[in-house]
Amino acid sequence: MSAALWSLWWVWIAAALVLAIVEVMLPGFLFLGFAIGAALVGLLLAVTGGGWGLPLLLVIFAALSLIAWAALRRTFRLREGQVRYFEDDVNK
């Protein structure tokens, strides 16, 4: 895949959709952070019109993905003193 293809906004949006689908199959909020980062990069490219280099786009993607992952982890974590209980066995 050429570097010029990664400067198209719809490629990043498509990657975000693929990562979101992977998140549904493998939950844990890991791939959702990457999906949010890719979607934000796609929106950034759509708004600015592109013209960004691939290394800069990858740095922006990494930073936005890390921020999204940290926000998701903070939002959905167990609160102080909470314990997760399971009443039924899944195999019953």
C-alpha atoms as a PDB file:
ATOM      1  CA  MET A   1       0.000   0.000   0.000  1.00  0.00           C
ATOM      2  CA  SER A   2       1.500   3.289  -1.021  1.00  0.00           C
ATOM      3  CA  ALA A   3       2.059   6.186   1.341  1.00  0.00           C
ATOM      4  CA  ALA A   4      -0.254   8.408  -0.746  1.00  0.00           C
ATOM      5  CA  LEU A   5      -3.168   6.101   0.025  1.00  0.00           C
ATOM      6  CA  TRP A   6      -2.778   6.721   3.763  1.00  0.00           C
ATOM      7  CA  SER A   7      -3.295  10.451   3.220  1.00  0.00           C
ATOM      8  CA  LEU A   8      -6.908   9.820   2.146  1.00  0.00           C
ATOM      9  CA  TRP A   9      -9.467  10.410   4.878  1.00  0.00           C
ATOM     10  CA  TRP A  10     -11.713   7.488   3.941  1.00  0.00           C
ATOM     11  CA  VAL A  11      -8.874   4.983   4.394  1.00  0.00           C
ATOM     12  CA  TRP A  12      -8.565   6.020   8.040  1.00  0.00           C
ATOM     13  CA  ILE A  13     -12.340   5.852   8.515  1.00  0.00           C
ATOM     14  CA  ALA A  14     -12.380   2.366   6.952  1.00  0.00           C
ATOM     15  CA  ALA A  15      -9.545   1.311   9.262  1.00  0.00           C
ATOM     16  CA  ALA A  16     -11.532   2.685  12.214  1.00  0.00           C
ATOM     17  CA  LEU A  17     -14.539   0.587  11.199  1.00  0.00           C
ATOM     18  CA  VAL A  18     -12.411  -2.548  10.891  1.00  0.00           C
ATOM     19  CA  LEU A  19     -10.852  -1.914  14.303  1.00  0.00           C
ATOM     20  CA  ALA A  20     -14.291  -1.319  15.831  1.00  0.00           C
ATOM     21  CA  ILE A  21     -15.494  -4.646  14.433  1.00  0.00           C
ATOM     22  CA  VAL A  22     -12.426  -6.365  15.880  1.00  0.00           C
ATOM     23  CA  GLU A  23     -13.257  -4.735  19.232  1.00  0.00           C
ATOM     24  CA  VAL A  24     -16.731  -6.277  19.138  1.00  0.00           C
ATOM     25  CA  MET A  25     -15.201  -9.712  18.589  1.00  0.00           C
ATOM     26  CA  LEU A  26     -12.372  -9.253  21.131  1.00  0.00           C
ATOM     27  CA  PRO A  27     -13.665  -6.933  23.873  1.00  0.00           C
ATOM     28  CA  GLY A  28     -11.357  -5.187  26.265  1.00  0.00           C
ATOM     29  CA  PHE A  29     -11.277  -1.587  25.032  1.00  0.00           C
ATOM     30  CA  LEU A  30      -7.864  -2.073  23.403  1.00  0.00           C
ATOM     31  CA  PHE A  31      -8.963  -1.978  19.779  1.00  0.00           C
ATOM     32  CA  LEU A  32     -11.628   0.627  20.531  1.00  0.00           C
ATOM     33  CA  GLY A  33      -8.886   3.118  21.418  1.00  0.00           C
ATOM     34  CA  PHE A  34      -7.201   2.425  18.083  1.00  0.00           C
ATOM     35  CA  ALA A  35     -10.553   2.763  16.302  1.00  0.00           C
ATOM     36  CA  ILE A  36     -11.196   6.130  17.929  1.00  0.00           C
ATOM     37  CA  GLY A  37      -7.673   7.287  17.025  1.00  0.00           C
ATOM     38  CA  ALA A  38      -8.100   6.230  13.392  1.00  0.00           C
ATOM     39  CA  ALA A  39     -11.513   7.896  13.180  1.00  0.00           C
ATOM     40  CA  LEU A  40     -10.112  11.143  14.579  1.00  0.00           C
ATOM     41  CA  VAL A  41      -7.227  11.089  12.099  1.00  0.00           C
ATOM     42  CA  GLY A  42      -9.761  10.483   9.306  1.00  0.00           C
ATOM     43  CA  LEU A  43     -11.824  13.440  10.493  1.00  0.00           C
ATOM     44  CA  LEU A  44      -8.692  15.579  10.732  1.00  0.00           C
ATOM     45  CA  LEU A  45      -7.784  14.712   7.148  1.00  0.00           C
ATOM     46  CA  ALA A  46     -11.342  15.357   5.954  1.00  0.00           C
ATOM     47  CA  VAL A  47     -11.439  18.781   7.604  1.00  0.00           C
ATOM     48  CA  THR A  48      -7.947  19.928   6.582  1.00  0.00           C
ATOM     49  CA  GLY A  49      -7.981  18.403   3.106  1.00  0.00           C
ATOM     50  CA  GLY A  50      -4.994  16.115   3.585  1.00  0.00           C
ATOM     51  CA  GLY A  51      -1.463  16.768   2.458  1.00  0.00           C
ATOM     52  CA  TRP A  52       0.062  15.372   5.656  1.00  0.00           C
ATOM     53  CA  GLY A  53       3.009  12.997   5.533  1.00  0.00           C
ATOM     54  CA  LEU A  54       2.671   9.388   6.653  1.00  0.00           C
ATOM     55  CA  PRO A  55       5.133   9.664   9.578  1.00  0.00           C
ATOM     56  CA  LEU A  56       3.251  12.654  10.996  1.00  0.00           C
ATOM     57  CA  LEU A  57      -0.089  10.880  10.543  1.00  0.00           C
ATOM     58  CA  LEU A  58       1.215   7.840  12.392  1.00  0.00           C
ATOM     59  CA  VAL A  59       2.441   9.993  15.287  1.00  0.00           C
ATOM     60  CA  ILE A  60      -0.940  11.755  15.469  1.00  0.00           C
ATOM     61  CA  PHE A  61      -2.701   8.367  15.299  1.00  0.00           C
ATOM     62  CA  ALA A  62      -0.547   6.962  18.090  1.00  0.00           C
ATOM     63  CA  ALA A  63      -1.083   9.984  20.327  1.00  0.00           C
ATOM     64  CA  LEU A  64      -4.852  10.081  19.773  1.00  0.00           C
ATOM     65  CA  SER A  65      -5.140   6.316  20.279  1.00  0.00           C
ATOM     66  CA  LEU A  66      -3.238   6.509  23.551  1.00  0.00           C
ATOM     67  CA  ILE A  67      -5.416   9.371  24.781  1.00  0.00           C
ATOM     68  CA  ALA A  68      -8.590   7.493  23.775  1.00  0.00           C
ATOM     69  CA  TRP A  69      -7.389   4.285  25.453  1.00  0.00           C
ATOM     70  CA  ALA A  70      -6.556   6.138  28.669  1.00  0.00           C
ATOM     71  CA  ALA A  71      -9.944   7.878  28.660  1.00  0.00           C
ATOM     72  CA  LEU A  72     -11.765   4.580  28.101  1.00  0.00           C
ATOM     73  CA  ARG A  73      -9.782   2.881  30.842  1.00  0.00           C
ATOM     74  CA  ARG A  74     -10.524   5.703  33.271  1.00  0.00           C
ATOM     75  CA  THR A  75     -14.213   5.783  32.335  1.00  0.00           C
ATOM     76  CA  PHE A  76     -14.942   2.039  32.507  1.00  0.00           C
ATOM     77  CA  ARG A  77     -12.657   0.914  35.321  1.00  0.00           C
ATOM     78  CA  LEU A  78     -13.924  -0.447  38.604  1.00  0.00           C
ATOM     79  CA  ARG A  79     -14.236   2.269  41.191  1.00  0.00           C
ATOM     80  CA  GLU A  80     -12.204   2.215  44.392  1.00  0.00           C
ATOM     81  CA  GLY A  81     -13.524  -0.500  46.677  1.00  0.00           C
ATOM     82  CA  GLN A  82     -15.680  -2.193  44.030  1.00  0.00           C
ATOM     83  CA  VAL A  83     -15.321  -5.885  43.353  1.00  0.00           C
ATOM     84  CA  ARG A  84     -16.637  -7.742  40.339  1.00  0.00           C
ATOM     85  CA  TYR A  85     -18.780 -10.724  41.374  1.00  0.00           C
ATOM     86  CA  PHE A  86     -20.046 -13.552  39.199  1.00  0.00           C
ATOM     87  CA  GLU A  87     -23.161 -15.295  40.498  1.00  0.00           C
ATOM     88  CA  ASP A  88     -23.675 -17.871  37.776  1.00  0.00           C
ATOM     89  CA  ASP A  89     -21.345 -20.073  35.860  1.00  0.00           C
ATOM     90  CA  VAL A  90     -21.328 -19.395  32.126  1.00  0.00           C
ATOM     91  CA  ASN A  91     -21.299 -23.130  31.416  1.00  0.00           C
ATOM     92  CA  LYS A  92     -24.569 -23.890  33.222  1.00  0.00           C
END
